[in-house]
Amino acid sequence: MFYAAETAIIVGDVTVEKDVSLWHYTVLRGDLESITVGESSNLQDGVVVHADLGCPTTIGRRVTVGHGAIVHACHVGDDCIIGMNSVVSSGAHIGEGSIVAPGAVIPEGKEYASGELLGGVPAQAIRPLNDADKVRIEGSWRVYLELARKGLPRRDELRGKPEARVIVDFLEGTEP
């Protein structure tokens, strides 16, 4: 089971694991490539998740994606917070146990180590996470799981559907 607001939109090849919560006006568009959202993660109001041809989007377990963030064709490791109104661009890799500050822009193709606070435009590693940051990560996903259990409708498990991807005709026969 996972939890989804009635206004959440899920299209295409999307896998949503156990205890995920998708809040109001969240959009997951797996029309060009797959999207996976790991167990106990939460995507807050207005989050947009998309993928590019040949570049799926993977959001790890116990991840909080803050209000209005964009997560596009990238990898977010387990136990992360993606801050409100931040952008994680195509091909980027956020190491596990990291925090992306609100409003940060993660550039295309950029890879970051685990356990870092990332911020700025373009984002840079600011400092290693401390114990308080790690408690914040855990508290965030736990609170949203409890909120979802008490306030959002339950949905059956959702597993990927590669056949739901859109074939873009002008790209047929080309490599992404």
C-alpha atoms as a PDB file:
ATOM      1  CA  MET A   1       0.000   0.000   0.000  1.00  0.00           C
ATOM      2  CA  PHE A   2       0.953   3.609  -0.584  1.00  0.00           C
ATOM      3  CA  TYR A   3      -0.830   6.888   0.049  1.00  0.00           C
ATOM      4  CA  ALA A   4      -1.805   9.462  -2.567  1.00  0.00           C
ATOM      5  CA  ALA A   5      -3.853  12.626  -2.517  1.00  0.00           C
ATOM      6  CA  GLU A   6      -6.703  12.602  -5.012  1.00  0.00           C
ATOM      7  CA  THR A   7      -4.977  15.417  -6.920  1.00  0.00           C
ATOM      8  CA  ALA A   8      -1.712  13.483  -7.376  1.00  0.00           C
ATOM      9  CA  ILE A   9      -1.081  12.592 -11.026  1.00  0.00           C
ATOM     10  CA  ILE A  10       0.772   9.396 -11.977  1.00  0.00           C
ATOM     11  CA  VAL A  11       1.425   8.707 -15.678  1.00  0.00           C
ATOM     12  CA  GLY A  12       3.418   6.011 -17.468  1.00  0.00           C
ATOM     13  CA  ASP A  13       6.137   3.699 -16.165  1.00  0.00           C
ATOM     14  CA  VAL A  14       6.082   4.502 -12.444  1.00  0.00           C
ATOM     15  CA  THR A  15       6.925   2.258  -9.485  1.00  0.00           C
ATOM     16  CA  VAL A  16       5.830   3.439  -6.048  1.00  0.00           C
ATOM     17  CA  GLU A  17       7.008   1.252  -3.170  1.00  0.00           C
ATOM     18  CA  LYS A  18       5.426   0.518   0.208  1.00  0.00           C
ATOM     19  CA  ASP A  19       4.455   3.421   2.510  1.00  0.00           C
ATOM     20  CA  VAL A  20       5.235   6.170  -0.019  1.00  0.00           C
ATOM     21  CA  SER A  21       3.095   9.304   0.229  1.00  0.00           C
ATOM     22  CA  LEU A  22       2.255  11.532  -2.724  1.00  0.00           C
ATOM     23  CA  TRP A  23       0.777  14.821  -1.566  1.00  0.00           C
ATOM     24  CA  HIS A  24      -1.524  17.319  -3.235  1.00  0.00           C
ATOM     25  CA  TYR A  25      -0.746  18.253  -6.855  1.00  0.00           C
ATOM     26  CA  THR A  26       2.302  15.998  -7.060  1.00  0.00           C
ATOM     27  CA  VAL A  27       3.051  14.905 -10.635  1.00  0.00           C
ATOM     28  CA  LEU A  28       5.024  11.768 -11.602  1.00  0.00           C
ATOM     29  CA  ARG A  29       5.464  11.520 -15.395  1.00  0.00           C
ATOM     30  CA  GLY A  30       7.074   8.269 -16.442  1.00  0.00           C
ATOM     31  CA  ASP A  31       6.069   8.754 -20.063  1.00  0.00           C
ATOM     32  CA  LEU A  32       9.585   8.719 -21.573  1.00  0.00           C
ATOM     33  CA  GLU A  33      11.474   6.570 -19.051  1.00  0.00           C
ATOM     34  CA  SER A  34      10.832   4.887 -15.700  1.00  0.00           C
ATOM     35  CA  ILE A  35      10.398   6.536 -12.315  1.00  0.00           C
ATOM     36  CA  THR A  36      10.926   4.659  -9.032  1.00  0.00           C
ATOM     37  CA  VAL A  37      10.058   6.065  -5.607  1.00  0.00           C
ATOM     38  CA  GLY A  38      11.520   4.029  -2.742  1.00  0.00           C
ATOM     39  CA  GLU A  39       9.833   2.782   0.408  1.00  0.00           C
ATOM     40  CA  SER A  40       8.691   5.340   3.016  1.00  0.00           C
ATOM     41  CA  SER A  41       9.548   8.343   0.841  1.00  0.00           C
ATOM     42  CA  ASN A  42       7.278  11.370   0.607  1.00  0.00           C
ATOM     43  CA  LEU A  43       6.739  13.819  -2.230  1.00  0.00           C
ATOM     44  CA  GLN A  44       5.130  16.936  -0.851  1.00  0.00           C
ATOM     45  CA  ASP A  45       2.653  19.336  -2.438  1.00  0.00           C
ATOM     46  CA  GLY A  46       3.492  20.478  -5.961  1.00  0.00           C
ATOM     47  CA  VAL A  47       6.507  18.224  -6.558  1.00  0.00           C
ATOM     48  CA  VAL A  48       7.195  17.362 -10.214  1.00  0.00           C
ATOM     49  CA  VAL A  49       9.112  14.179 -11.118  1.00  0.00           C
ATOM     50  CA  HIS A  50       9.970  13.431 -14.763  1.00  0.00           C
ATOM     51  CA  ALA A  51      12.566  11.449 -16.721  1.00  0.00           C
ATOM     52  CA  ASP A  52      14.424  11.734 -20.047  1.00  0.00           C
ATOM     53  CA  LEU A  53      14.878   9.099 -22.726  1.00  0.00           C
ATOM     54  CA  GLY A  54      17.604   6.770 -21.484  1.00  0.00           C
ATOM     55  CA  CYS A  55      17.763   8.521 -18.114  1.00  0.00           C
ATOM     56  CA  PRO A  56      15.277   7.186 -15.539  1.00  0.00           C
ATOM     57  CA  THR A  57      14.528   8.882 -12.237  1.00  0.00           C
ATOM     58  CA  THR A  58      15.217   7.000  -9.014  1.00  0.00           C
ATOM     59  CA  ILE A  59      14.284   8.361  -5.609  1.00  0.00           C
ATOM     60  CA  GLY A  60      15.646   6.186  -2.814  1.00  0.00           C
ATOM     61  CA  ARG A  61      14.075   4.964   0.410  1.00  0.00           C
ATOM     62  CA  ARG A  62      13.142   7.336   3.235  1.00  0.00           C
ATOM     63  CA  VAL A  63      13.518  10.469   1.095  1.00  0.00           C
ATOM     64  CA  THR A  64      11.608  13.692   1.697  1.00  0.00           C
ATOM     65  CA  VAL A  65      11.077  15.856  -1.393  1.00  0.00           C
ATOM     66  CA  GLY A  66       9.901  19.290  -0.267  1.00  0.00           C
ATOM     67  CA  HIS A  67       7.058  21.397  -1.603  1.00  0.00           C
ATOM     68  CA  GLY A  68       7.487  22.604  -5.175  1.00  0.00           C
ATOM     69  CA  ALA A  69      10.736  20.758  -5.915  1.00  0.00           C
ATOM     70  CA  ILE A  70      11.580  19.386  -9.369  1.00  0.00           C
ATOM     71  CA  VAL A  71      13.352  16.025  -9.615  1.00  0.00           C
ATOM     72  CA  HIS A  72      14.265  15.334 -13.237  1.00  0.00           C
ATOM     73  CA  ALA A  73      15.972  12.281 -14.771  1.00  0.00           C
ATOM     74  CA  CYS A  74      18.365  11.793 -11.853  1.00  0.00           C
ATOM     75  CA  HIS A  75      19.251   9.596  -8.874  1.00  0.00           C
ATOM     76  CA  VAL A  76      18.546  10.540  -5.263  1.00  0.00           C
ATOM     77  CA  GLY A  77      20.074   8.147  -2.723  1.00  0.00           C
ATOM     78  CA  ASP A  78      18.388   6.761   0.397  1.00  0.00           C
ATOM     79  CA  ASP A  79      17.823   8.950   3.473  1.00  0.00           C
ATOM     80  CA  CYS A  80      17.889  12.378   1.811  1.00  0.00           C
ATOM     81  CA  ILE A  81      15.952  15.610   1.991  1.00  0.00           C
ATOM     82  CA  ILE A  82      15.408  17.548  -1.231  1.00  0.00           C
ATOM     83  CA  GLY A  83      14.490  21.053  -0.080  1.00  0.00           C
ATOM     84  CA  MET A  84      11.473  23.105  -1.088  1.00  0.00           C
ATOM     85  CA  ASN A  85      11.630  24.675  -4.566  1.00  0.00           C
ATOM     86  CA  SER A  86      14.969  23.064  -5.355  1.00  0.00           C
ATOM     87  CA  VAL A  87      15.792  21.554  -8.748  1.00  0.00           C
ATOM     88  CA  VAL A  88      17.695  18.314  -9.278  1.00  0.00           C
ATOM     89  CA  SER A  89      18.590  18.274 -12.991  1.00  0.00           C
ATOM     90  CA  SER A  90      19.026  15.510 -15.552  1.00  0.00           C
ATOM     91  CA  GLY A  91      21.833  13.045 -14.925  1.00  0.00           C
ATOM     92  CA  ALA A  92      22.614  14.331 -11.423  1.00  0.00           C
ATOM     93  CA  HIS A  93      23.420  11.941  -8.564  1.00  0.00           C
ATOM     94  CA  ILE A  94      22.723  12.860  -4.932  1.00  0.00           C
ATOM     95  CA  GLY A  95      24.595  10.565  -2.543  1.00  0.00           C
ATOM     96  CA  GLU A  96      22.707   8.874   0.279  1.00  0.00           C
ATOM     97  CA  GLY A  97      22.198  10.697   3.542  1.00  0.00           C
ATOM     98  CA  SER A  98      22.391  14.174   1.974  1.00  0.00           C
ATOM     99  CA  ILE A  99      20.334  17.360   2.217  1.00  0.00           C
ATOM    100  CA  VAL A 100      19.705  19.677  -0.730  1.00  0.00           C
ATOM    101  CA  ALA A 101      18.922  23.133   0.646  1.00  0.00           C
ATOM    102  CA  PRO A 102      15.692  24.911  -0.327  1.00  0.00           C
ATOM    103  CA  GLY A 103      16.024  26.741  -3.645  1.00  0.00           C
ATOM    104  CA  ALA A 104      19.259  24.984  -4.623  1.00  0.00           C
ATOM    105  CA  VAL A 105      19.863  24.050  -8.255  1.00  0.00           C
ATOM    106  CA  ILE A 106      21.741  20.809  -8.838  1.00  0.00           C
ATOM    107  CA  PRO A 107      23.358  21.070 -12.305  1.00  0.00           C
ATOM    108  CA  GLU A 108      22.950  18.456 -15.012  1.00  0.00           C
ATOM    109  CA  GLY A 109      25.261  15.474 -14.649  1.00  0.00           C
ATOM    110  CA  LYS A 110      26.752  16.618 -11.337  1.00  0.00           C
ATOM    111  CA  GLU A 111      27.553  13.901  -8.771  1.00  0.00           C
ATOM    112  CA  TYR A 112      27.733  14.566  -5.043  1.00  0.00           C
ATOM    113  CA  ALA A 113      29.181  12.396  -2.282  1.00  0.00           C
ATOM    114  CA  SER A 114      27.068  10.917   0.508  1.00  0.00           C
ATOM    115  CA  GLY A 115      26.365  12.798   3.714  1.00  0.00           C
ATOM    116  CA  GLU A 116      26.674  16.370   2.433  1.00  0.00           C
ATOM    117  CA  LEU A 117      24.667  19.569   2.783  1.00  0.00           C
ATOM    118  CA  LEU A 118      24.283  20.945  -0.750  1.00  0.00           C
ATOM    119  CA  GLY A 119      23.162  24.492  -1.498  1.00  0.00           C
ATOM    120  CA  GLY A 120      23.385  27.420  -3.865  1.00  0.00           C
ATOM    121  CA  VAL A 121      22.904  28.149  -7.559  1.00  0.00           C
ATOM    122  CA  PRO A 122      24.622  26.151  -8.861  1.00  0.00           C
ATOM    123  CA  ALA A 123      24.722  23.869  -5.818  1.00  0.00           C
ATOM    124  CA  GLN A 124      27.977  23.112  -4.063  1.00  0.00           C
ATOM    125  CA  ALA A 125      28.864  20.925  -1.102  1.00  0.00           C
ATOM    126  CA  ILE A 126      28.706  23.240   1.926  1.00  0.00           C
ATOM    127  CA  ARG A 127      29.653  20.870   4.743  1.00  0.00           C
ATOM    128  CA  PRO A 128      29.281  17.282   5.947  1.00  0.00           C
ATOM    129  CA  LEU A 129      26.014  16.528   7.718  1.00  0.00           C
ATOM    130  CA  ASN A 130      26.088  16.483  11.499  1.00  0.00           C
ATOM    131  CA  ASP A 131      24.072  14.372  13.940  1.00  0.00           C
ATOM    132  CA  ALA A 132      21.265  16.961  14.115  1.00  0.00           C
ATOM    133  CA  ASP A 133      20.920  16.871  10.309  1.00  0.00           C
ATOM    134  CA  LYS A 134      20.648  13.086  10.376  1.00  0.00           C
ATOM    135  CA  VAL A 135      17.926  13.261  13.035  1.00  0.00           C
ATOM    136  CA  ARG A 136      16.102  15.805  10.838  1.00  0.00           C
ATOM    137  CA  ILE A 137      16.191  13.430   7.852  1.00  0.00           C
ATOM    138  CA  GLU A 138      14.730  10.595   9.894  1.00  0.00           C
ATOM    139  CA  GLY A 139      12.157  12.805  11.576  1.00  0.00           C
ATOM    140  CA  SER A 140      10.978  14.187   8.256  1.00  0.00           C
ATOM    141  CA  TRP A 141      10.115  10.886   6.590  1.00  0.00           C
ATOM    142  CA  ARG A 142       8.637   9.478   9.805  1.00  0.00           C
ATOM    143  CA  VAL A 143       6.334  12.478  10.341  1.00  0.00           C
ATOM    144  CA  TYR A 144       5.096  12.370   6.739  1.00  0.00           C
ATOM    145  CA  LEU A 145       4.466   8.634   6.942  1.00  0.00           C
ATOM    146  CA  GLU A 146       2.310   9.197  10.027  1.00  0.00           C
ATOM    147  CA  LEU A 147       0.495  12.133   8.383  1.00  0.00           C
ATOM    148  CA  ALA A 148      -0.188   9.999   5.303  1.00  0.00           C
ATOM    149  CA  ARG A 149      -1.547   7.092   7.327  1.00  0.00           C
ATOM    150  CA  LYS A 150      -3.955   9.450   9.087  1.00  0.00           C
ATOM    151  CA  GLY A 151      -4.935  11.717   6.215  1.00  0.00           C
ATOM    152  CA  LEU A 152      -4.493  10.311   2.715  1.00  0.00           C
ATOM    153  CA  PRO A 153      -6.376   7.582   0.843  1.00  0.00           C
ATOM    154  CA  ARG A 154      -4.587   4.249   0.528  1.00  0.00           C
ATOM    155  CA  ARG A 155      -3.849   2.840  -2.901  1.00  0.00           C
ATOM    156  CA  ASP A 156      -2.801  -0.577  -4.040  1.00  0.00           C
ATOM    157  CA  GLU A 157       0.822  -1.225  -4.862  1.00  0.00           C
ATOM    158  CA  LEU A 158       1.992   0.374  -8.111  1.00  0.00           C
ATOM    159  CA  ARG A 159       4.635  -1.375 -10.185  1.00  0.00           C
ATOM    160  CA  GLY A 160       6.339  -0.119 -13.323  1.00  0.00           C
ATOM    161  CA  LYS A 161       4.682  -0.382 -16.723  1.00  0.00           C
ATOM    162  CA  PRO A 162       7.281  -0.074 -19.485  1.00  0.00           C
ATOM    163  CA  GLU A 163       4.488  -0.465 -22.046  1.00  0.00           C
ATOM    164  CA  ALA A 164       3.048   2.845 -20.791  1.00  0.00           C
ATOM    165  CA  ARG A 165       6.033   4.815 -22.111  1.00  0.00           C
ATOM    166  CA  VAL A 166       5.481   7.041 -25.116  1.00  0.00           C
ATOM    167  CA  ILE A 167       7.387   6.275 -28.319  1.00  0.00           C
ATOM    168  CA  VAL A 168       8.664   9.537 -29.790  1.00  0.00           C
ATOM    169  CA  ASP A 169       8.526   8.968 -33.545  1.00  0.00           C
ATOM    170  CA  PHE A 170      11.205  11.408 -34.682  1.00  0.00           C
ATOM    171  CA  LEU A 171      13.690   9.682 -32.363  1.00  0.00           C
ATOM    172  CA  GLU A 172      12.856   6.144 -33.477  1.00  0.00           C
ATOM    173  CA  GLY A 173      16.027   4.277 -34.385  1.00  0.00           C
ATOM    174  CA  THR A 174      18.341   6.741 -32.655  1.00  0.00           C
ATOM    175  CA  GLU A 175      20.195   6.276 -29.425  1.00  0.00           C
ATOM    176  CA  PRO A 176      19.322   8.616 -26.549  1.00  0.00           C
END
